Structures are given as structure tokens and as C-alpha cells.
Protein backbone atom coordinates (compact mmCIF):
# COMPACT_ATOMS: atom_id res chain seq x y z
CA MET A 1 25.14 102.73 159.19
CA SER A 2 28.13 103.32 156.93
CA GLU A 3 27.48 103.68 153.23
CA ARG A 4 30.96 102.50 152.38
CA MET A 5 30.68 100.41 149.27
CA SER A 6 32.76 97.29 149.09
CA ALA A 7 34.68 97.14 145.85
CA PRO A 8 35.55 93.90 144.09
CA ARG A 9 38.72 92.59 145.60
CA THR A 10 40.80 91.35 142.72
CA ARG A 11 42.20 92.40 139.41
CA ARG A 12 45.21 91.48 137.36
CA ARG A 13 48.53 93.24 137.19
CA ALA A 14 50.53 93.29 133.97
CA GLY A 15 51.27 89.66 134.64
CA ARG A 16 48.65 87.26 135.93
CA ASP A 17 48.83 87.74 139.68
CA PRO A 18 45.64 88.93 141.37
CA VAL A 19 46.06 92.12 143.36
CA ALA A 20 43.78 93.19 146.18
CA ILE A 21 41.86 96.39 145.58
CA ASP A 22 40.06 98.37 148.25
CA ASP A 23 39.00 101.79 147.01
CA ASP A 24 38.66 103.33 150.44
CA ALA A 25 41.95 101.87 151.64
CA THR A 26 43.68 103.35 148.58
CA LEU A 27 42.15 106.75 149.33
CA HIS A 28 43.10 106.52 153.01
CA ALA A 29 46.69 105.65 152.09
CA MET A 30 46.85 108.93 150.15
CA GLY A 31 45.74 110.77 153.28
CA TYR A 32 42.07 111.51 152.48
CA PRO A 33 38.83 110.41 154.14
CA ARG A 34 35.93 109.32 151.96
CA LYS A 35 33.50 112.19 151.50
CA LEU A 36 31.88 111.27 148.18
CA THR A 37 29.71 108.27 147.37
CA ARG A 38 31.10 105.56 145.07
CA ARG A 39 28.26 104.99 142.64
CA PHE A 40 30.14 105.19 139.34
CA GLN A 41 30.66 101.81 137.73
CA ALA A 42 33.16 101.22 134.91
CA PHE A 43 30.67 102.29 132.24
CA ASP A 44 29.76 105.46 134.16
CA ASN A 45 33.41 106.47 134.44
CA PHE A 46 33.95 105.87 130.73
CA ALA A 47 30.73 107.74 129.94
CA ILE A 48 31.80 111.02 131.48
CA SER A 49 34.99 111.32 129.39
CA PHE A 50 33.27 110.01 126.26
CA THR A 51 30.56 112.63 126.74
CA ILE A 52 33.02 115.48 127.33
CA ILE A 53 35.07 114.55 124.24
CA ASN A 54 31.74 114.42 122.43
CA ILE A 55 32.48 113.87 118.75
CA LEU A 56 29.16 115.33 117.59
CA SER A 57 29.76 118.58 119.47
CA GLY A 58 33.45 118.81 118.57
CA ILE A 59 33.20 117.98 114.87
CA PHE A 60 30.10 120.06 114.20
CA SER A 61 31.65 123.06 115.99
CA SER A 62 35.03 122.99 114.22
CA PHE A 63 34.37 121.33 110.84
CA GLY A 64 34.14 124.68 109.05
CA PHE A 65 37.57 125.73 110.27
CA GLY A 66 39.03 122.49 108.91
CA MET A 67 37.38 123.00 105.52
CA ASN A 68 39.45 126.17 105.15
CA ALA A 69 42.61 124.90 106.87
CA GLY A 70 43.61 121.82 104.90
CA GLY A 71 40.26 120.65 103.63
CA PRO A 72 39.28 116.95 103.39
CA ARG A 73 42.89 115.72 103.43
CA ILE A 74 43.55 117.24 106.85
CA LEU A 75 40.04 116.66 108.19
CA VAL A 76 40.34 112.91 107.61
CA PHE A 77 44.04 112.06 107.85
CA GLY A 78 44.61 114.74 110.46
CA TRP A 79 41.85 113.15 112.52
CA ILE A 80 43.59 109.78 112.33
CA GLY A 81 47.04 111.11 113.18
CA VAL A 82 46.01 113.41 116.03
CA SER A 83 43.73 110.73 117.49
CA VAL A 84 46.75 108.45 117.80
CA MET A 85 48.75 111.21 119.48
CA VAL A 86 45.93 111.90 121.93
CA LEU A 87 45.76 108.19 122.71
CA PHE A 88 49.42 108.40 123.76
CA ILE A 89 48.51 111.27 126.10
CA GLY A 90 45.55 109.32 127.46
CA ALA A 91 47.57 106.17 128.07
CA ALA A 92 50.28 108.11 129.92
CA MET A 93 47.64 109.92 131.98
CA ALA A 94 45.85 106.63 132.67
CA GLU A 95 49.00 105.17 134.21
CA VAL A 96 49.21 108.14 136.57
CA ALA A 97 45.48 107.88 137.34
CA SER A 98 45.89 104.27 138.40
CA ALA A 99 48.63 105.28 140.86
CA TYR A 100 46.74 108.31 142.28
CA PRO A 101 42.95 107.78 141.90
CA THR A 102 41.73 111.04 143.49
CA SER A 103 39.41 113.87 142.51
CA GLY A 104 42.47 116.13 142.53
CA ALA A 105 43.73 114.14 139.56
CA LEU A 106 46.33 116.19 137.67
CA TYR A 107 47.32 118.68 140.35
CA PHE A 108 47.45 115.99 143.05
CA SER A 109 49.63 113.66 140.99
CA ALA A 110 51.89 116.56 139.97
CA GLY A 111 52.53 117.34 143.63
CA LYS A 112 53.25 113.70 144.44
CA LEU A 113 55.48 113.05 141.42
CA ALA A 114 57.66 116.16 141.76
CA LYS A 115 61.05 115.54 143.38
CA LYS A 116 61.12 119.07 144.78
CA HIS A 117 59.01 122.23 144.69
CA GLN A 118 55.96 120.01 145.04
CA GLY A 119 53.76 122.94 146.00
CA ALA A 120 54.66 124.99 142.93
CA TRP A 121 54.17 122.10 140.48
CA SER A 122 50.83 121.30 142.07
CA TRP A 123 49.77 124.97 142.16
CA TYR A 124 50.38 125.72 138.48
CA THR A 125 48.92 122.41 137.30
CA GLY A 126 45.80 122.93 139.38
CA TRP A 127 45.15 126.45 138.13
CA LEU A 128 45.77 125.53 134.49
CA ASN A 129 43.34 122.65 134.92
CA PHE A 130 40.77 124.85 136.69
CA VAL A 131 40.86 127.65 134.10
CA GLY A 132 40.81 125.15 131.23
CA GLN A 133 37.77 123.37 132.62
CA VAL A 134 35.85 126.56 133.37
CA GLY A 135 36.64 127.76 129.85
CA GLY A 136 35.43 124.42 128.49
CA THR A 137 32.09 124.68 130.29
CA ALA A 138 31.63 128.24 129.02
CA ALA A 139 32.67 127.40 125.44
CA THR A 140 30.45 124.30 125.27
CA GLY A 141 27.46 126.24 126.57
CA TYR A 142 28.12 129.00 124.05
CA ALA A 143 28.37 126.48 121.21
CA ALA A 144 25.07 124.91 122.29
CA ALA A 145 23.45 128.35 122.37
CA THR A 146 24.77 129.09 118.88
CA PHE A 147 23.34 125.86 117.45
CA ILE A 148 20.05 126.35 119.32
CA GLN A 149 19.72 129.68 117.56
CA ALA A 150 20.62 128.07 114.24
CA PHE A 151 17.72 125.67 114.81
CA LEU A 152 15.40 128.54 115.73
CA ALA A 153 16.39 130.38 112.55
CA LEU A 154 15.55 127.29 110.47
CA GLN A 155 12.25 126.82 112.26
CA TRP A 156 11.26 130.48 112.15
CA PRO A 157 13.11 132.31 109.32
CA SER A 158 12.19 135.69 110.81
CA TYR A 159 14.28 134.91 113.91
CA GLU A 160 17.58 136.81 113.94
CA PRO A 161 20.22 135.64 116.45
CA THR A 162 22.05 138.35 118.38
CA ALA A 163 25.02 138.37 120.74
CA HIS A 164 22.76 139.25 123.65
CA GLN A 165 20.45 136.32 122.94
CA THR A 166 23.42 133.97 122.66
CA VAL A 167 24.74 135.04 126.08
CA LEU A 168 21.31 134.70 127.70
CA ILE A 169 20.74 131.22 126.26
CA THR A 170 24.25 130.20 127.30
CA ALA A 171 23.60 131.38 130.85
CA LEU A 172 20.32 129.46 130.99
CA VAL A 173 22.01 126.30 129.72
CA ILE A 174 24.81 126.49 132.31
CA VAL A 175 22.40 127.17 135.19
CA ILE A 176 20.24 124.15 134.22
CA GLN A 177 23.39 122.00 134.08
CA GLY A 178 24.28 123.32 137.54
CA LEU A 179 20.88 122.27 138.86
CA ALA A 180 21.36 118.77 137.45
CA ASN A 181 24.75 118.53 139.17
CA THR A 182 23.26 119.75 142.46
CA TYR A 183 21.34 116.54 142.93
CA THR A 184 22.69 113.06 143.55
CA VAL A 185 25.69 111.39 141.95
CA ARG A 186 23.24 108.73 140.80
CA LEU A 187 21.38 111.29 138.66
CA VAL A 188 24.60 112.47 137.05
CA ALA A 189 25.59 108.86 136.36
CA VAL A 190 22.19 108.13 134.77
CA LEU A 191 22.40 111.23 132.58
CA ASN A 192 25.92 110.28 131.46
CA ARG A 193 24.75 106.78 130.55
CA ILE A 194 21.95 108.30 128.50
CA SER A 195 24.44 110.64 126.84
CA VAL A 196 26.57 107.73 125.58
CA TRP A 197 23.59 106.13 123.86
CA TRP A 198 22.42 109.53 122.62
CA LEU A 199 25.82 110.04 121.02
CA LEU A 200 26.07 106.55 119.51
CA ILE A 201 22.49 106.35 118.25
CA GLY A 202 22.70 109.94 117.04
CA LEU A 203 25.90 109.11 115.18
CA VAL A 204 24.25 106.15 113.45
CA VAL A 205 21.22 108.25 112.49
CA ILE A 206 23.27 111.17 111.14
CA VAL A 207 25.76 108.98 109.26
CA GLY A 208 22.96 106.80 107.91
CA ALA A 209 21.09 109.86 106.66
CA LEU A 210 24.22 111.26 105.00
CA VAL A 211 24.94 107.94 103.31
CA ALA A 212 21.40 107.30 102.06
CA GLY A 213 19.95 110.79 101.66
CA PRO A 214 22.01 112.92 99.23
CA ASP A 215 21.48 112.31 95.52
CA GLU A 216 25.22 112.13 94.97
CA HIS A 217 28.45 111.93 96.94
CA ARG A 218 31.98 112.98 96.28
CA PRO A 219 34.29 110.39 94.64
CA ALA A 220 36.63 108.32 96.83
CA SER A 221 39.62 110.42 95.76
CA PHE A 222 38.04 113.52 97.29
CA VAL A 223 39.53 112.55 100.63
CA THR A 224 42.93 113.69 99.32
CA HIS A 225 41.62 117.13 98.27
CA PHE A 226 43.63 119.94 99.91
CA VAL A 227 42.36 123.46 100.56
CA ASN A 228 44.14 126.40 102.14
CA SER A 229 41.82 129.36 102.59
CA THR A 230 43.40 130.62 105.80
CA GLY A 231 44.94 133.61 104.02
CA PHE A 232 48.45 132.30 104.59
CA THR A 233 50.26 131.37 101.37
CA HIS A 234 52.18 128.40 102.76
CA GLY A 235 50.10 125.25 102.44
CA LEU A 236 52.01 123.39 105.14
CA TYR A 237 51.12 126.08 107.67
CA GLY A 238 47.45 125.95 106.71
CA GLY A 239 47.46 122.16 106.99
CA MET A 240 49.11 122.26 110.42
CA LEU A 241 46.40 124.64 111.62
CA GLY A 242 43.81 122.14 110.39
CA LEU A 243 45.09 119.61 112.93
CA LEU A 244 43.48 121.76 115.59
CA VAL A 245 40.04 120.45 114.55
CA THR A 246 40.83 117.11 116.15
CA SER A 247 42.70 118.64 119.07
CA TRP A 248 39.73 120.88 119.88
CA THR A 249 37.51 117.81 120.00
CA PHE A 250 39.74 115.62 122.17
CA THR A 251 39.66 117.52 125.43
CA GLY A 252 38.21 116.68 128.82
CA PHE A 253 39.15 113.01 129.06
CA ASP A 254 40.66 113.81 132.46
CA GLY A 255 37.02 113.68 133.61
CA SER A 256 37.45 109.96 134.34
CA PHE A 257 40.45 110.84 136.52
CA HIS A 258 38.50 113.50 138.45
CA MET A 259 35.65 111.05 139.15
CA SER A 260 38.02 108.51 140.73
CA GLU A 261 36.73 109.01 144.26
CA GLU A 262 33.19 108.21 143.08
CA THR A 263 34.20 105.20 140.95
CA VAL A 264 34.22 101.57 142.04
CA ARG A 265 37.60 99.87 141.45
CA ALA A 266 38.99 103.26 140.52
CA THR A 267 42.61 102.13 140.11
CA VAL A 268 41.46 100.08 137.12
CA ASN A 269 38.22 101.64 135.93
CA ALA A 270 39.46 105.25 135.83
CA PRO A 271 42.43 104.50 133.53
CA ARG A 272 40.24 102.28 131.38
CA GLY A 273 37.68 105.08 131.20
CA ILE A 274 40.34 107.46 129.90
CA THR A 275 41.78 105.18 127.20
CA ARG A 276 38.49 103.69 126.05
CA SER A 277 36.79 107.06 125.73
CA ILE A 278 39.61 108.26 123.46
CA GLY A 279 39.73 105.05 121.41
CA TYR A 280 35.99 104.78 120.84
CA SER A 281 35.71 108.51 120.08
CA ALA A 282 38.53 108.22 117.53
CA VAL A 283 36.78 105.45 115.59
CA ALA A 284 33.28 106.92 115.80
CA GLY A 285 34.57 110.40 114.94
CA LEU A 286 36.34 109.11 111.84
CA VAL A 287 33.08 107.58 110.59
CA LEU A 288 31.25 110.88 111.11
CA MET A 289 34.06 112.86 109.51
CA LEU A 290 34.02 110.69 106.38
CA ALA A 291 30.24 110.93 106.13
CA LEU A 292 30.36 114.74 106.26
CA VAL A 293 33.31 115.06 103.87
CA TYR A 294 31.80 112.86 101.18
CA SER A 295 28.45 114.67 101.47
CA ILE A 296 29.86 118.14 100.72
CA GLY A 297 28.13 119.60 97.68
CA ASP A 298 29.17 123.09 96.60
CA TYR A 299 32.46 123.38 98.50
CA ALA A 300 32.70 127.18 98.41
CA LYS A 301 29.09 127.58 99.49
CA VAL A 302 29.44 125.17 102.39
CA ALA A 303 32.81 126.52 103.55
CA GLY A 304 31.50 130.09 103.46
CA SER A 305 28.34 129.39 105.44
CA SER A 306 27.95 130.26 109.12
CA ALA A 307 27.61 126.58 110.11
CA PRO A 308 29.10 124.32 107.38
CA PRO A 309 27.92 120.95 108.80
CA VAL A 310 24.37 122.30 109.03
CA GLN A 311 24.64 123.51 105.43
CA ILE A 312 25.73 120.00 104.39
CA LEU A 313 22.62 118.57 106.07
CA ILE A 314 20.35 121.13 104.42
CA ASP A 315 21.88 120.66 100.94
CA GLY A 316 21.81 116.87 101.07
CA LEU A 317 18.72 116.10 103.13
CA GLY A 318 16.45 119.14 103.06
CA VAL A 319 15.54 121.61 105.77
CA GLY A 320 13.07 119.34 107.58
CA THR A 321 15.50 116.48 108.08
CA ALA A 322 18.32 118.89 108.84
CA LYS A 323 16.32 120.37 111.72
CA LEU A 324 15.70 116.92 113.25
CA LEU A 325 19.38 115.99 113.02
CA LEU A 326 20.36 119.38 114.41
CA LEU A 327 18.34 118.57 117.53
CA ILE A 328 20.52 115.49 118.01
CA VAL A 329 23.65 117.64 117.83
CA ILE A 330 22.22 120.20 120.28
CA GLY A 331 21.35 117.42 122.71
CA ALA A 332 24.92 116.10 122.48
CA MET A 333 26.28 119.58 123.25
CA LEU A 334 24.05 119.88 126.30
CA PHE A 335 25.22 116.51 127.61
CA CYS A 336 28.81 117.55 126.93
CA GLY A 337 28.45 120.71 129.02
CA LEU A 338 26.81 118.77 131.84
CA ALA A 339 29.67 116.27 132.03
CA ASN A 340 32.27 119.03 131.75
CA LEU A 341 30.69 120.88 134.67
CA THR A 342 30.69 117.67 136.74
CA SER A 343 34.41 117.18 136.15
CA ASN A 344 35.08 120.87 136.85
CA THR A 345 33.22 120.60 140.16
CA ARG A 346 35.28 117.63 141.35
CA GLN A 347 38.51 119.46 140.56
CA ILE A 348 37.32 122.46 142.58
CA PHE A 349 36.30 120.15 145.45
CA ALA A 350 39.71 118.51 145.59
CA PHE A 351 41.73 121.69 145.03
CA SER A 352 39.84 123.36 147.87
CA ARG A 353 40.29 120.33 150.11
CA ASP A 354 44.01 121.07 149.99
CA GLY A 355 43.47 124.79 150.66
CA ALA A 356 44.49 126.06 147.22
CA MET A 357 41.46 128.25 146.48
CA PRO A 358 40.05 131.37 148.13
CA GLY A 359 37.30 130.29 150.49
CA SER A 360 38.49 126.69 150.37
CA ARG A 361 36.52 125.72 153.47
CA TRP A 362 33.32 126.43 151.53
CA TRP A 363 34.07 124.67 148.28
CA HIS A 364 35.12 121.28 149.62
CA THR A 365 32.02 120.72 151.74
CA VAL A 366 29.64 117.94 150.71
CA SER A 367 25.88 118.04 151.09
CA PRO A 368 24.83 115.39 153.65
CA ARG A 369 21.61 114.86 151.70
CA THR A 370 22.89 114.48 148.14
CA ARG A 371 26.51 113.54 148.90
CA THR A 372 27.67 115.99 146.22
CA PRO A 373 29.87 119.12 146.55
CA VAL A 374 26.96 121.48 145.92
CA LYS A 375 28.84 124.70 146.72
CA ALA A 376 31.63 123.71 144.31
CA VAL A 377 28.99 123.14 141.63
CA TRP A 378 27.74 126.71 141.91
CA LEU A 379 31.24 128.15 142.05
CA ALA A 380 31.93 126.40 138.73
CA VAL A 381 28.65 127.78 137.35
CA ALA A 382 29.48 131.31 138.51
CA CYS A 383 32.99 131.21 137.03
CA SER A 384 31.68 129.91 133.71
CA LEU A 385 29.04 132.65 133.58
CA ALA A 386 31.75 135.23 134.31
CA LEU A 387 33.65 134.03 131.24
CA VAL A 388 30.52 134.14 129.08
CA LEU A 389 29.53 137.67 130.11
CA PRO A 390 32.05 139.54 127.85
CA GLY A 391 30.26 137.97 124.88
CA TRP A 392 27.44 140.44 125.62
CA TRP A 393 29.64 143.19 124.17
CA SER A 394 32.11 141.36 121.94
CA HIS A 395 32.42 137.85 120.54
CA THR A 396 36.15 138.52 120.14
CA ALA A 397 36.44 139.25 123.87
CA PHE A 398 34.65 135.99 124.69
CA THR A 399 36.90 134.06 122.32
CA ALA A 400 39.98 135.62 123.91
CA ILE A 401 38.93 134.46 127.36
CA VAL A 402 37.93 130.88 126.52
CA SER A 403 40.80 130.35 124.07
CA VAL A 404 42.96 129.26 126.98
CA ASN A 405 40.61 126.30 127.48
CA VAL A 406 42.41 123.77 125.29
CA VAL A 407 45.95 125.06 125.87
CA GLY A 408 45.45 125.16 129.63
CA LEU A 409 44.01 121.65 129.73
CA PHE A 410 46.70 120.04 127.60
CA LEU A 411 49.51 121.73 129.52
CA ALA A 412 47.92 120.47 132.73
CA TYR A 413 47.81 116.99 131.16
CA ALA A 414 51.50 117.15 130.29
CA VAL A 415 52.88 118.20 133.70
CA PRO A 416 52.26 114.96 135.66
CA ILE A 417 53.33 112.88 132.63
CA PHE A 418 56.58 114.86 132.42
CA LEU A 419 57.17 114.52 136.17
CA ARG A 420 56.48 110.79 135.98
CA LEU A 421 59.12 110.51 133.23
CA ARG A 422 61.59 112.49 135.31
CA LEU A 423 60.95 110.27 138.32
CA GLY A 424 62.01 107.22 136.33
CA ALA A 425 62.27 103.94 138.21
CA ASP A 426 61.21 105.62 141.46
CA PHE A 427 57.64 105.85 140.18
CA ARG A 428 55.36 103.33 141.88
CA PRO A 429 52.72 102.33 139.31
CA GLY A 430 49.20 101.32 140.15
CA PRO A 431 47.46 98.14 138.97
CA TRP A 432 46.98 99.59 135.44
CA HIS A 433 50.36 100.43 133.94
CA LEU A 434 52.28 100.47 130.68
CA GLY A 435 55.28 98.45 131.77
CA ARG A 436 58.31 98.90 129.53
CA TRP A 437 56.29 101.13 127.19
CA SER A 438 55.77 103.76 129.88
CA THR A 439 58.76 105.93 128.93
CA PRO A 440 58.34 105.99 125.12
CA VAL A 441 54.59 106.60 125.43
CA GLY A 442 55.22 109.43 127.90
CA VAL A 443 57.87 111.05 125.70
CA VAL A 444 55.55 111.05 122.67
CA ALA A 445 52.70 112.40 124.81
CA VAL A 446 54.70 115.34 126.17
CA GLY A 447 56.19 116.07 122.75
CA TRP A 448 52.77 116.25 121.11
CA VAL A 449 51.36 118.49 123.85
CA LEU A 450 54.22 120.96 123.32
CA LEU A 451 53.77 120.93 119.52
CA SER A 452 49.99 121.26 119.61
CA SER A 453 50.20 124.03 122.21
CA VAL A 454 52.38 126.02 119.81
CA LEU A 455 49.80 125.46 117.06
CA PHE A 456 47.02 126.70 119.32
CA MET A 457 48.88 129.95 119.91
CA LEU A 458 49.84 130.73 116.30
CA PRO A 459 47.80 133.10 114.09
CA GLN A 460 44.94 131.15 112.51
CA ALA A 461 43.78 133.56 109.81
CA SER A 462 45.29 136.24 107.60
CA PRO A 463 45.18 139.19 107.41
CA ILE A 464 45.59 139.50 111.16
CA THR A 465 43.09 141.97 112.57
CA VAL A 466 41.55 142.69 115.96
CA ASP A 467 38.80 140.17 115.20
CA SER A 468 41.01 137.46 113.64
CA PHE A 469 43.92 137.73 116.08
CA ASN A 470 44.57 134.59 118.14
CA TYR A 471 44.33 135.72 121.74
CA ALA A 472 45.32 132.35 123.24
CA PRO A 473 48.92 133.42 124.07
CA ILE A 474 47.67 136.56 125.82
CA ALA A 475 45.01 134.65 127.75
CA LEU A 476 47.50 131.96 128.77
CA ALA A 477 50.09 134.57 129.79
CA ALA A 478 47.46 136.36 131.89
CA VAL A 479 46.60 133.15 133.72
CA LEU A 480 50.26 132.34 134.38
CA VAL A 481 51.07 135.89 135.52
CA ILE A 482 48.16 135.92 137.97
CA ALA A 483 49.09 132.47 139.28
CA THR A 484 52.74 133.51 139.65
CA VAL A 485 52.01 136.77 141.45
CA TRP A 486 49.56 135.00 143.73
CA TRP A 487 52.10 132.22 144.38
CA PHE A 488 54.92 134.50 145.43
CA ALA A 489 52.67 136.93 147.30
CA THR A 490 50.92 134.48 149.62
CA ALA A 491 50.35 130.97 148.32
CA ARG A 492 53.89 129.60 148.66
CA ARG A 493 53.77 130.19 152.42
CA ARG A 494 50.54 128.29 152.98
CA PHE A 495 50.22 125.82 150.11
CA ARG A 496 52.66 122.91 150.05
CA GLY A 497 50.82 120.71 147.61
CA PRO A 498 48.41 117.88 148.38
CA VAL A 499 47.87 117.55 152.12
CA SER A 500 47.42 114.44 154.23
CA TYR A 501 44.71 114.40 156.86
CA GLY A 502 46.55 111.76 158.87
CA ARG A 503 47.49 108.11 158.94
CA PRO A 504 45.21 105.67 157.08
CA ASP A 505 43.50 104.59 160.30
CA GLU A 506 42.99 108.22 161.33
CA VAL A 507 41.45 109.35 158.05
CA ALA A 508 39.29 106.21 157.91
CA ALA A 509 37.62 107.43 161.10
CA MET A 510 36.74 110.68 159.29
CA ASP A 511 34.75 108.96 156.52
CA LEU A 512 31.25 110.29 155.99
CA VAL A 513 28.73 107.70 157.12
């Protein structure tokens, strides 16, 4: 008996007319049979992007950088400004997601929106997205391992973290996340639902503790305090670098796009998942940011510590309470990595389905028992572990490899938005669209991606040494060179962009039952 799930049949366009929605029919019209099970409801789709953005993980990981690059003024007002810019990117991406609700997401839509050279546009977008997501899984696992060791050091003062221990813990975390993704889509959905409540309840607990616990707080005017300890003399430059704190946090919201083929009413729920995850994260993150900023005691002591947010918790609440709250943050990081790996797996599944990866026939197969792309899961795990491994010898080497994470992702976000702008009136929107605001929103989105990408590749500390050098441009150039050589050597002759498996009636007959 077929497991095809019947989606609700109506929704509203940007007027009031009901429009028929059939998820499988939409997928068949794009040339793909249904291979994955649709068990993600609207909340589940939102949950995966909200979890990957993960304000607890993002803010706790990068807060110290912001204390030195702009201080409270940039941490707070930079958060507000960049959040708005990211919302522009999310809205523009959401419009594309509504038109092309597939696991291929960015690379698929790039191939469909390009007027010519569809294969090349799709190829570069797909590989930027793939490398960015693998780097994100590795970086999130590494951050979780770092905070786990911070907790162990608080619990047992004799414990001394080492690079080798960090790599081993990171590997263990990623393998466990791979095991969770090996089982059913329903398990992943349940874990993502739990993660949302973990994040929200954890936020309330941490903010509540920071409001009620410390004996004193900074005055209201402290939010305008500016600090530039980057080593660069120009304050504007230091403040611009501080904007990266928010940009680092707001990545991975394409997860809702990648889960389209497992989401009910995907043409509506996927774009809503993207925009809502950004909006809710922006508001919740601002609350957390303010709580941390106003709880800073000795600024120099906190800024110079190995984990400034943890130092704030210790100074204001004591070691015992700090350890309990740190467990909440570690849990959030683990959920973040799990969701990131899920999104990464779906991108691999779709990219392989179109023959764009070595061994494609392996990676786009779906387990008949779990209805998940199990082989793609373990490819994502293996690639992430490969990126973590250099950390065994050098943290700088690890940083150089994963630094392309954010730049690669945001450039992959910008390509289909740019192509949609270039297509103009020929673009056929889905049920969720921006109407007359589509062009201005898209222009702002692409403009901000270009500006923030430049910021990500500039030097971030002075003096510039082997350890402080920003390796993002080198890592990005390496990815683009490899993709280009590969493209001209073999790929351009066999990869033409997203493929069609036949007419809608033909691909419908290929659906997994």
C-alpha cells in the first residue's frame, strides 16, 4: 500500500484565492519521484532552521570576539541591524523555496533560474553549499567539544583540555549525530521539536538567572559603550568586524529548504520555516545578548578569558550555577549539530540524485526500512570528520578549513536570489511570494551577502601572524579552484544541472511505496 501522504489542498495566494496544493504533484512536475517520507509538519520544518541558527550556540561561541570588536554597542545594535539584513536574505530565499520545494534547494533553484549555463550555476552553488554545510557540522561539533571540556574543567579543576581530546570528543559527537540521523525521519523530527523547547526554555532560564542573580548590573547607558581591542587603530574597522558575531550565528536557515521533500504543504511551510526561524531567533537572541551585556563585571577580565560568556556566568552566579547553565548551552550545541547534519545529508542526497557527486548512485539511495538516505548520512559524517582531523595537529589548520563555512553558505544563498532578480518577470513564483517587494528585497539581500562576505575575508586581528591570519580567502579560493578544475576536466560534459526523470505521470510511477 502506498505511503503517499495527502497534503491539505488549499492555501491562499497573495490575494484571497485558494490555490490547490499537492506536494507529490509539485515534486513530479519538477521531474522527481517521491523517495522520502513526508512527516515534517510546519513546526518541524521551522524547528530544523531554528535549531541550526541556534542563538545559544552562536552567541556563546562568538560573544568574546564581539567584546573586543566593537563591544556592547556593536553586540547589541549590530545584532539588530544584521538580523534585519538576514531577514531580507531569508525572505528572498523563501520566495525561491516556494517555487522549487526540493531537497536540492539552492543548487536546484540556481539551475532552474539561470537563463544559460544552467549546469555551471548549479554546479558552483551546489559545491559551495556542500562545503559550507560540512564545515558547519564540523565547526559546531568542535564548539560543543570545547564547551564540554570547559564544563569538565569546572567540574574537575585538575582536568586540562588538549587539542587531541577536543578532536576525539568532536568525532564522538558527530558519530552519535550520524547514528541519530540513520534512523527514521520521525525520530529526527521529534528531536528537532525537543530542541526548540530546549532552546526557548534554556533561554528563559539563562536570562532569568542573569537578571536575578548578579548583585549588580551595568547601567542602561552601557549599551553604547564601544571597545576596539582588535589591534587595528581604526574604530570603524573594528566595529565592522564585530558585525560578524551576528552573521556567524545566522547560518543554516536553508535547512527548511532542504527538508522540503519531507515537509507537508512544502510550498508554504518551507518558506514560512525560513522566515519564522530568522525572526524568532532575532528577537530571542537580542534578549540573550542584552542579558549577557548588562551582566558583564570586570570587562577586561571577561574579555580576556578563554570563554567570556562562561566567565560572566561564573562571576555573576557562582561556579555551581554556571555549570548547570553551561549544560544547557552544550545541549543546544549538540542539537544544532544534529540538525545541521540532517540538512547536509539532504543536500548530498539531492546533489547525488542529479549525478553531481563522485559515487552518486550510492549517495542518493534511500533505506527501504527507515526511508532515510542512510549512505548520504555517513558520507556527511565522514567529510565532517575529515575537516576536524587537522585540529589534531593545529587549531589554526582546523580554523583555516572550516572558515569557508559561513562564506560558502552565504554565497550559495545569494546565487539563486541573484538569478531570480535577473530573470525578472519571467520568474514563476510559488504560493508564498513577496509580490512587488520581491525585487527590492532581493537587491538588499544580495548586497548584504557581498558586503558581509568581504568582512569575513578581511584580517580580524592585528598584528597579523600565522595564528591570527584569516584563512577564509585561501580556503574559499581552494574550493573554487577545485570546483573549476573539476568542472572543465569532466563535469561540464556530464552534468547539465538538475535532471528530470520523466513526465509527471512517469515519475509518479517511480514513487517509493
